[in-house]
Amino acid sequence: MAAPIRVLHVAKSLGLGGTEKVMQLFATHLDRHGFQVAVHSPLDGPRGPLLRTAGIPTHIGADLFKTLCAWKPDVVHLHRAGWPEPGLLRPLAVAHVPVVVETNVFGRHDPSPSAKVLDRTLFVSRFCAERFAAHTGIPAEPPRYDVLYNPVDTDFFTRACPPRDLSAPVAGRLSRPDPGKWSRLALDFLPPAAKALPGLRYRIVGGIPEAEEYMRSHGLAAHVEFLPPLATDEELAGFFNSVSLLAHANDTGESFGLAIAEAMAAGLPVVTHPCPEPRDNAQLELVEHGVTGLVAKNATEYAQAVIFLLTHPEEARNMGEAGRARAARLFRAQDLAAHLGNIYREILTAKGIAA
């Protein structure tokens, strides 16, 4: 029986962000019979204990070269933004890592000499791949490039968030507490929505001071609840079960949109919006208007979309269940991890390395 392929996932931290969660999901869902997996990160964080509890060893510290020499991976999988990072890539060349794969989170181009160490770039959405090709003139095609959606534990959310009544007038928002993850749409829809629905509640994970001040100055505090960060899928499921829709609004846009994909997996309809070019727009790749949610172009349309879904629970449930089916088909963690494992094997074989 062949020895397991040794895979080292590398991320800048083990915090609660989407990049780190994607790394965690891939690391924990790769077939343990075919792969031996570890994680390297300069900084520990909340995902560190989750990885270790799952049996994934973590190598914490700034010296990636030391980890490479000690662990001797067959494959290194980088989770990074995509722009030049010679300090990250150079140790891989010096250590003669057989195969290097990157998940390119933002679809950026790295023209630096250090990037020659990369065997495969995986974009997290078709949007990112198409924008990369349009901006660089480089076809985003195999064998050098490919698209692999971010994974979601859709099986868990199906169990934890079964089909349910969505008639409660409760909207939810989920992001990091970062001003760059916000849009005025996430605030300006609330006054007209609260006027139309006096019992409206807005549950926010990832609130920022500007949002709290907006609620106070507009007399909306009674409608809003600011919640702490959610570390586990169990906590996420509790949040999703407490709301009737996800109100997504981010002026930067999404290169994928993990919170959207997770809400879809939980059976929630999503309200989102387009962003002007050249900003990210993968949120429109995930949310199909009128099928899995609603797309609004301005604050008036956004408020109308929220009001419609909260006053038409049957339509909301149908969209939510359509989103659940789409998430299971496209984002299921076990399926994407199996595909990722095949990518590793394919590259090892193409390079004449036993896989």
Protein backbone atom coordinates (compact mmCIF):
# COMPACT_ATOMS: atom_id res chain seq x y z
CA MET A 1 0.00 0.00 0.00
CA ALA A 2 1.39 3.41 -1.00
CA ALA A 3 2.40 5.80 1.77
CA PRO A 4 0.01 8.73 2.32
CA ILE A 5 0.82 11.93 0.44
CA ARG A 6 2.15 14.51 2.89
CA VAL A 7 0.33 17.85 2.50
CA LEU A 8 1.24 21.03 4.35
CA HIS A 9 -1.37 23.79 4.29
CA VAL A 10 0.07 27.28 4.86
CA ALA A 11 -1.92 30.33 6.00
CA LYS A 12 -0.88 33.68 7.47
CA SER A 13 -2.87 33.10 10.65
CA LEU A 14 -5.33 30.73 12.26
CA GLY A 15 -7.94 33.40 12.91
CA LEU A 16 -11.67 33.34 12.21
CA GLY A 17 -11.50 34.75 8.67
CA GLY A 18 -12.85 32.97 5.62
CA THR A 19 -9.41 32.17 4.19
CA GLU A 20 -8.45 30.36 7.38
CA LYS A 21 -11.76 28.52 7.52
CA VAL A 22 -11.37 27.28 3.95
CA MET A 23 -7.90 25.99 4.84
CA GLN A 24 -9.34 24.27 7.93
CA LEU A 25 -12.13 22.60 5.93
CA PHE A 26 -9.79 21.31 3.24
CA ALA A 27 -7.29 20.08 5.82
CA THR A 28 -9.91 18.22 7.85
CA HIS A 29 -11.83 16.74 4.90
CA LEU A 30 -8.94 15.35 2.86
CA ASP A 31 -9.04 11.54 2.90
CA ARG A 32 -6.94 10.43 5.90
CA HIS A 33 -6.07 7.15 4.18
CA GLY A 34 -4.53 8.87 1.18
CA PHE A 35 -3.15 12.01 2.79
CA GLN A 36 -1.21 13.00 5.89
CA VAL A 37 -2.02 16.64 6.58
CA ALA A 38 -0.44 19.35 8.69
CA VAL A 39 -0.76 23.15 8.89
CA HIS A 40 1.87 25.88 9.15
CA SER A 41 1.08 29.44 10.24
CA PRO A 42 3.15 32.24 11.75
CA LEU A 43 0.30 33.00 14.14
CA ASP A 44 -1.95 30.74 16.17
CA GLY A 45 -5.60 31.64 16.68
CA PRO A 46 -9.10 30.25 17.29
CA ARG A 47 -8.79 27.76 14.42
CA GLY A 48 -5.65 26.26 15.92
CA PRO A 49 -7.47 24.31 18.67
CA LEU A 50 -10.15 23.22 16.18
CA LEU A 51 -7.49 21.81 13.86
CA ARG A 52 -5.63 20.08 16.66
CA THR A 53 -8.83 18.58 18.06
CA ALA A 54 -9.47 17.18 14.57
CA GLY A 55 -6.06 15.52 14.64
CA ILE A 56 -4.31 18.00 12.34
CA PRO A 57 -0.87 18.99 13.70
CA THR A 58 -0.11 22.71 13.56
CA HIS A 59 3.37 24.20 13.18
CA ILE A 60 3.25 27.72 14.61
CA GLY A 61 6.07 30.17 13.98
CA ALA A 62 7.58 32.50 11.41
CA ASP A 63 10.15 30.04 10.03
CA LEU A 64 8.40 28.23 7.18
CA PHE A 65 11.73 26.86 5.91
CA LYS A 66 12.31 25.12 9.23
CA THR A 67 8.87 23.49 9.04
CA LEU A 68 9.51 22.38 5.45
CA CYS A 69 12.82 20.77 6.37
CA ALA A 70 11.38 19.03 9.40
CA TRP A 71 8.09 17.86 7.89
CA LYS A 72 9.21 17.21 4.29
CA PRO A 73 5.85 17.63 2.54
CA ASP A 74 5.12 16.22 -0.90
CA VAL A 75 2.66 19.07 -1.48
CA VAL A 76 2.49 22.56 -0.02
CA HIS A 77 -0.86 24.29 -0.39
CA LEU A 78 -0.73 28.06 0.11
CA HIS A 79 -3.83 30.07 1.03
CA ARG A 80 -3.00 33.64 0.03
CA ALA A 81 -4.21 36.80 -1.66
CA GLY A 82 -2.31 36.15 -4.89
CA TRP A 83 -0.05 39.20 -5.13
CA PRO A 84 3.77 38.95 -4.96
CA GLU A 85 5.07 37.54 -1.68
CA PRO A 86 8.71 36.54 -2.21
CA GLY A 87 9.22 36.05 1.52
CA LEU A 88 6.56 33.35 1.47
CA LEU A 89 7.51 31.68 -1.82
CA ARG A 90 11.31 31.70 -1.64
CA PRO A 91 11.57 29.07 1.15
CA LEU A 92 9.57 26.66 -1.02
CA ALA A 93 12.13 26.89 -3.82
CA VAL A 94 15.08 26.60 -1.45
CA ALA A 95 13.53 23.54 0.23
CA HIS A 96 12.80 21.96 -3.18
CA VAL A 97 9.15 21.24 -2.36
CA PRO A 98 7.94 18.77 -5.03
CA VAL A 99 4.52 20.35 -5.63
CA VAL A 100 3.17 23.79 -4.72
CA VAL A 101 -0.52 24.67 -5.07
CA GLU A 102 -2.11 27.97 -4.14
CA THR A 103 -5.67 28.98 -3.41
CA ASN A 104 -5.62 32.51 -4.85
CA VAL A 105 -8.25 34.21 -2.71
CA PHE A 106 -8.58 37.50 -4.61
CA GLY A 107 -7.65 36.44 -8.12
CA ARG A 108 -4.51 38.59 -8.23
CA HIS A 109 -1.53 38.13 -10.54
CA ASP A 110 1.95 37.41 -9.20
CA PRO A 111 4.48 38.11 -11.99
CA SER A 112 7.49 37.83 -9.68
CA PRO A 113 10.27 35.29 -10.31
CA SER A 114 9.35 33.61 -7.00
CA ALA A 115 5.96 32.64 -8.46
CA LYS A 116 7.66 30.15 -10.77
CA VAL A 117 7.55 27.71 -7.86
CA LEU A 118 3.75 27.47 -8.24
CA ASP A 119 2.45 24.40 -10.05
CA ARG A 120 -1.28 25.21 -9.87
CA THR A 121 -3.30 28.30 -9.04
CA LEU A 122 -6.84 27.66 -7.87
CA PHE A 123 -9.28 30.57 -8.13
CA VAL A 124 -12.19 30.55 -5.70
CA SER A 125 -14.80 31.59 -8.28
CA ARG A 126 -15.32 31.82 -12.03
CA PHE A 127 -15.51 35.58 -11.53
CA CYS A 128 -11.93 35.68 -10.22
CA ALA A 129 -10.64 33.46 -13.02
CA GLU A 130 -12.37 35.49 -15.73
CA ARG A 131 -11.19 38.82 -14.32
CA PHE A 132 -7.63 37.47 -14.04
CA ALA A 133 -7.69 36.42 -17.70
CA ALA A 134 -9.19 39.74 -18.82
CA HIS A 135 -6.63 41.83 -16.90
CA THR A 136 -3.53 39.78 -17.68
CA GLY A 137 -4.25 38.24 -21.06
CA ILE A 138 -3.27 34.88 -19.55
CA PRO A 139 -5.88 32.14 -20.12
CA ALA A 140 -6.99 30.94 -16.67
CA GLU A 141 -7.08 27.33 -17.83
CA PRO A 142 -5.62 23.95 -16.79
CA PRO A 143 -3.04 22.74 -16.25
CA ARG A 144 -1.62 25.94 -14.73
CA TYR A 145 -4.92 27.47 -13.54
CA ASP A 146 -8.28 26.15 -12.38
CA VAL A 147 -11.38 27.08 -10.38
CA LEU A 148 -12.16 25.32 -7.12
CA TYR A 149 -14.97 26.79 -5.06
CA ASN A 150 -14.51 27.26 -1.34
CA PRO A 151 -15.85 24.33 0.71
CA VAL A 152 -18.83 24.42 3.06
CA ASP A 153 -19.88 21.64 5.42
CA THR A 154 -23.27 21.44 3.72
CA ASP A 155 -24.03 18.05 5.30
CA PHE A 156 -23.75 19.60 8.75
CA PHE A 157 -25.93 22.60 7.89
CA THR A 158 -28.56 20.32 6.38
CA ARG A 159 -28.78 18.46 9.69
CA ALA A 160 -28.48 21.51 11.94
CA CYS A 161 -30.73 23.86 9.94
CA PRO A 162 -33.65 21.80 8.58
CA PRO A 163 -36.39 23.40 6.44
CA ARG A 164 -38.39 25.72 8.66
CA ASP A 165 -40.92 28.53 8.82
CA LEU A 166 -39.32 31.81 7.75
CA SER A 167 -42.18 34.09 8.76
CA ALA A 168 -40.37 35.72 11.73
CA PRO A 169 -39.43 39.31 10.75
CA VAL A 170 -35.73 38.82 11.52
CA ALA A 171 -32.85 39.68 9.17
CA GLY A 172 -29.28 38.60 9.86
CA ARG A 173 -25.92 40.02 8.85
CA LEU A 174 -22.62 38.11 9.12
CA SER A 175 -19.08 39.40 8.52
CA ARG A 176 -15.84 40.28 10.26
CA PRO A 177 -15.99 43.50 12.35
CA ASP A 178 -14.09 45.32 9.62
CA PRO A 179 -15.28 48.58 7.96
CA GLY A 180 -14.03 47.16 4.66
CA LYS A 181 -16.68 44.43 4.89
CA TRP A 182 -19.56 46.92 5.17
CA SER A 183 -21.75 48.95 2.85
CA ARG A 184 -24.23 51.75 3.56
CA LEU A 185 -26.84 49.41 2.10
CA ALA A 186 -26.48 47.35 5.30
CA LEU A 187 -27.68 50.42 7.21
CA ASP A 188 -29.85 52.50 4.89
CA PHE A 189 -32.37 49.71 4.22
CA LEU A 190 -33.33 49.57 7.90
CA PRO A 191 -35.37 52.81 8.39
CA PRO A 192 -37.90 52.02 5.61
CA ALA A 193 -37.92 48.32 6.51
CA ALA A 194 -38.57 49.07 10.19
CA LYS A 195 -41.35 51.49 9.22
CA ALA A 196 -43.02 48.81 7.10
CA LEU A 197 -42.39 46.08 9.70
CA PRO A 198 -42.58 47.53 13.23
CA GLY A 199 -41.56 44.16 14.71
CA LEU A 200 -38.42 43.89 12.56
CA ARG A 201 -35.26 42.58 14.22
CA TYR A 202 -31.77 42.89 12.72
CA ARG A 203 -29.16 40.54 14.19
CA ILE A 204 -25.60 41.58 13.31
CA VAL A 205 -22.41 39.57 13.66
CA GLY A 206 -19.38 41.75 12.96
CA GLY A 207 -20.75 45.14 13.99
CA ILE A 208 -18.53 48.21 13.72
CA PRO A 209 -18.70 51.52 15.66
CA GLU A 210 -20.16 53.35 12.65
CA ALA A 211 -23.05 50.90 12.55
CA GLU A 212 -23.74 51.28 16.27
CA GLU A 213 -23.72 55.07 15.94
CA TYR A 214 -26.07 54.89 12.93
CA MET A 215 -28.57 52.82 14.89
CA ARG A 216 -28.48 55.23 17.83
CA SER A 217 -28.74 58.39 15.74
CA HIS A 218 -31.67 56.99 13.71
CA GLY A 219 -33.58 55.70 16.72
CA LEU A 220 -33.25 52.09 15.56
CA ALA A 221 -31.52 50.57 18.59
CA ALA A 222 -34.66 48.65 19.60
CA HIS A 223 -34.58 46.82 16.25
CA VAL A 224 -30.91 45.80 16.33
CA GLU A 225 -28.85 43.24 18.21
CA PHE A 226 -25.05 43.22 17.91
CA LEU A 227 -23.60 39.74 18.43
CA PRO A 228 -20.05 38.47 19.13
CA PRO A 229 -17.98 36.58 16.54
CA LEU A 230 -18.97 32.98 15.82
CA ALA A 231 -16.13 30.47 15.96
CA THR A 232 -17.78 27.15 15.05
CA ASP A 233 -20.35 25.83 12.62
CA GLU A 234 -22.54 24.95 15.60
CA GLU A 235 -22.60 28.63 16.57
CA LEU A 236 -23.26 29.60 12.95
CA ALA A 237 -26.17 27.17 12.75
CA GLY A 238 -27.71 28.70 15.86
CA PHE A 239 -27.44 32.13 14.27
CA PHE A 240 -28.90 30.99 10.94
CA ASN A 241 -31.79 29.29 12.73
CA SER A 242 -32.60 32.58 14.49
CA VAL A 243 -33.10 34.64 11.30
CA SER A 244 -35.26 34.44 8.18
CA LEU A 245 -32.79 35.84 5.63
CA LEU A 246 -29.19 36.90 5.23
CA ALA A 247 -28.72 40.59 4.45
CA HIS A 248 -25.38 40.73 2.65
CA ALA A 249 -23.86 44.11 1.82
CA ASN A 250 -20.16 44.79 1.21
CA ASP A 251 -18.92 47.64 -0.98
CA THR A 252 -15.71 45.73 -1.74
CA GLY A 253 -17.73 42.81 -3.09
CA GLU A 254 -16.81 39.15 -2.70
CA SER A 255 -14.20 37.06 -4.46
CA PHE A 256 -16.34 34.12 -3.29
CA GLY A 257 -18.62 34.94 -0.35
CA LEU A 258 -18.30 32.25 2.32
CA ALA A 259 -20.99 33.73 4.57
CA ILE A 260 -23.39 33.70 1.61
CA ALA A 261 -22.56 30.08 0.76
CA GLU A 262 -23.03 29.01 4.38
CA ALA A 263 -26.37 30.82 4.66
CA MET A 264 -27.50 29.09 1.46
CA ALA A 265 -26.45 25.73 2.93
CA ALA A 266 -28.60 26.58 5.97
CA GLY A 267 -31.67 27.16 3.79
CA LEU A 268 -31.78 30.96 3.95
CA PRO A 269 -32.57 33.30 1.06
CA VAL A 270 -29.92 35.99 0.57
CA VAL A 271 -30.29 39.66 -0.30
CA THR A 272 -27.17 41.07 -1.96
CA HIS A 273 -26.10 43.73 -4.48
CA PRO A 274 -23.74 44.27 -7.43
CA CYS A 275 -20.50 46.23 -7.10
CA PRO A 276 -19.07 48.55 -9.76
CA GLU A 277 -16.06 47.27 -11.68
CA PRO A 278 -13.27 46.51 -10.98
CA ARG A 279 -14.52 45.43 -7.56
CA ASP A 280 -15.34 41.84 -6.72
CA ASN A 281 -18.71 40.49 -7.80
CA ALA A 282 -18.73 36.76 -7.06
CA GLN A 283 -21.74 37.37 -4.81
CA LEU A 284 -23.74 37.48 -8.05
CA GLU A 285 -22.27 34.12 -9.05
CA LEU A 286 -23.63 32.59 -5.84
CA VAL A 287 -27.01 34.35 -5.56
CA GLU A 288 -29.36 33.91 -8.51
CA HIS A 289 -31.94 36.71 -8.46
CA GLY A 290 -35.43 35.42 -7.83
CA VAL A 291 -34.19 31.84 -7.38
CA THR A 292 -31.89 31.68 -4.34
CA GLY A 293 -32.36 35.27 -3.19
CA LEU A 294 -32.74 38.82 -4.43
CA VAL A 295 -30.23 41.27 -5.92
CA ALA A 296 -30.79 44.96 -5.17
CA LYS A 297 -29.08 47.87 -6.91
CA ASN A 298 -29.70 50.57 -4.28
CA ALA A 299 -31.03 51.16 -0.77
CA THR A 300 -34.65 51.43 -1.91
CA GLU A 301 -34.51 48.13 -3.79
CA TYR A 302 -32.64 46.55 -0.88
CA ALA A 303 -35.34 47.56 1.61
CA GLN A 304 -38.03 46.32 -0.77
CA ALA A 305 -36.26 42.99 -1.10
CA VAL A 306 -36.00 42.54 2.67
CA ILE A 307 -39.64 43.54 3.17
CA PHE A 308 -40.79 41.18 0.41
CA LEU A 309 -38.98 38.15 1.82
CA LEU A 310 -40.10 38.85 5.39
CA THR A 311 -43.74 39.22 4.32
CA HIS A 312 -43.77 36.29 1.88
CA PRO A 313 -42.46 33.35 3.95
CA GLU A 314 -43.42 30.70 1.37
CA GLU A 315 -41.41 32.42 -1.36
CA ALA A 316 -38.58 32.98 1.10
CA ARG A 317 -38.54 29.30 2.01
CA ASN A 318 -38.58 28.24 -1.65
CA MET A 319 -35.60 30.48 -2.39
CA GLY A 320 -33.82 29.23 0.72
CA GLU A 321 -34.30 25.60 -0.24
CA ALA A 322 -33.15 26.31 -3.80
CA GLY A 323 -30.03 27.88 -2.29
CA ARG A 324 -29.52 24.84 -0.07
CA ALA A 325 -29.64 22.53 -3.09
CA ARG A 326 -27.23 24.76 -5.04
CA ALA A 327 -24.79 24.87 -2.10
CA ALA A 328 -24.87 21.07 -1.72
CA ARG A 329 -24.20 20.66 -5.44
CA LEU A 330 -21.37 23.17 -5.71
CA PHE A 331 -19.77 23.69 -2.28
CA ARG A 332 -20.00 20.37 -0.40
CA ALA A 333 -16.73 20.08 1.55
CA GLN A 334 -16.28 16.33 1.06
CA ASP A 335 -16.69 16.61 -2.72
CA LEU A 336 -14.34 19.58 -3.07
CA ALA A 337 -11.71 17.99 -0.80
CA ALA A 338 -11.84 14.82 -2.92
CA HIS A 339 -11.39 16.93 -6.06
CA LEU A 340 -8.49 18.75 -4.43
CA GLY A 341 -6.88 15.41 -3.58
CA ASN A 342 -7.16 14.42 -7.23
CA ILE A 343 -5.46 17.67 -8.23
CA TYR A 344 -2.54 16.88 -5.93
CA ARG A 345 -2.22 13.38 -7.39
CA GLU A 346 -2.50 14.67 -10.96
CA ILE A 347 0.36 17.14 -10.50
CA LEU A 348 2.56 14.62 -8.70
CA THR A 349 1.99 12.11 -11.50
CA ALA A 350 2.64 14.69 -14.23
CA LYS A 351 5.97 15.54 -12.56
CA GLY A 352 6.94 11.87 -12.42
CA ILE A 353 6.54 11.62 -8.66
CA ALA A 354 4.76 8.55 -7.30
CA ALA A 355 1.29 9.47 -6.06
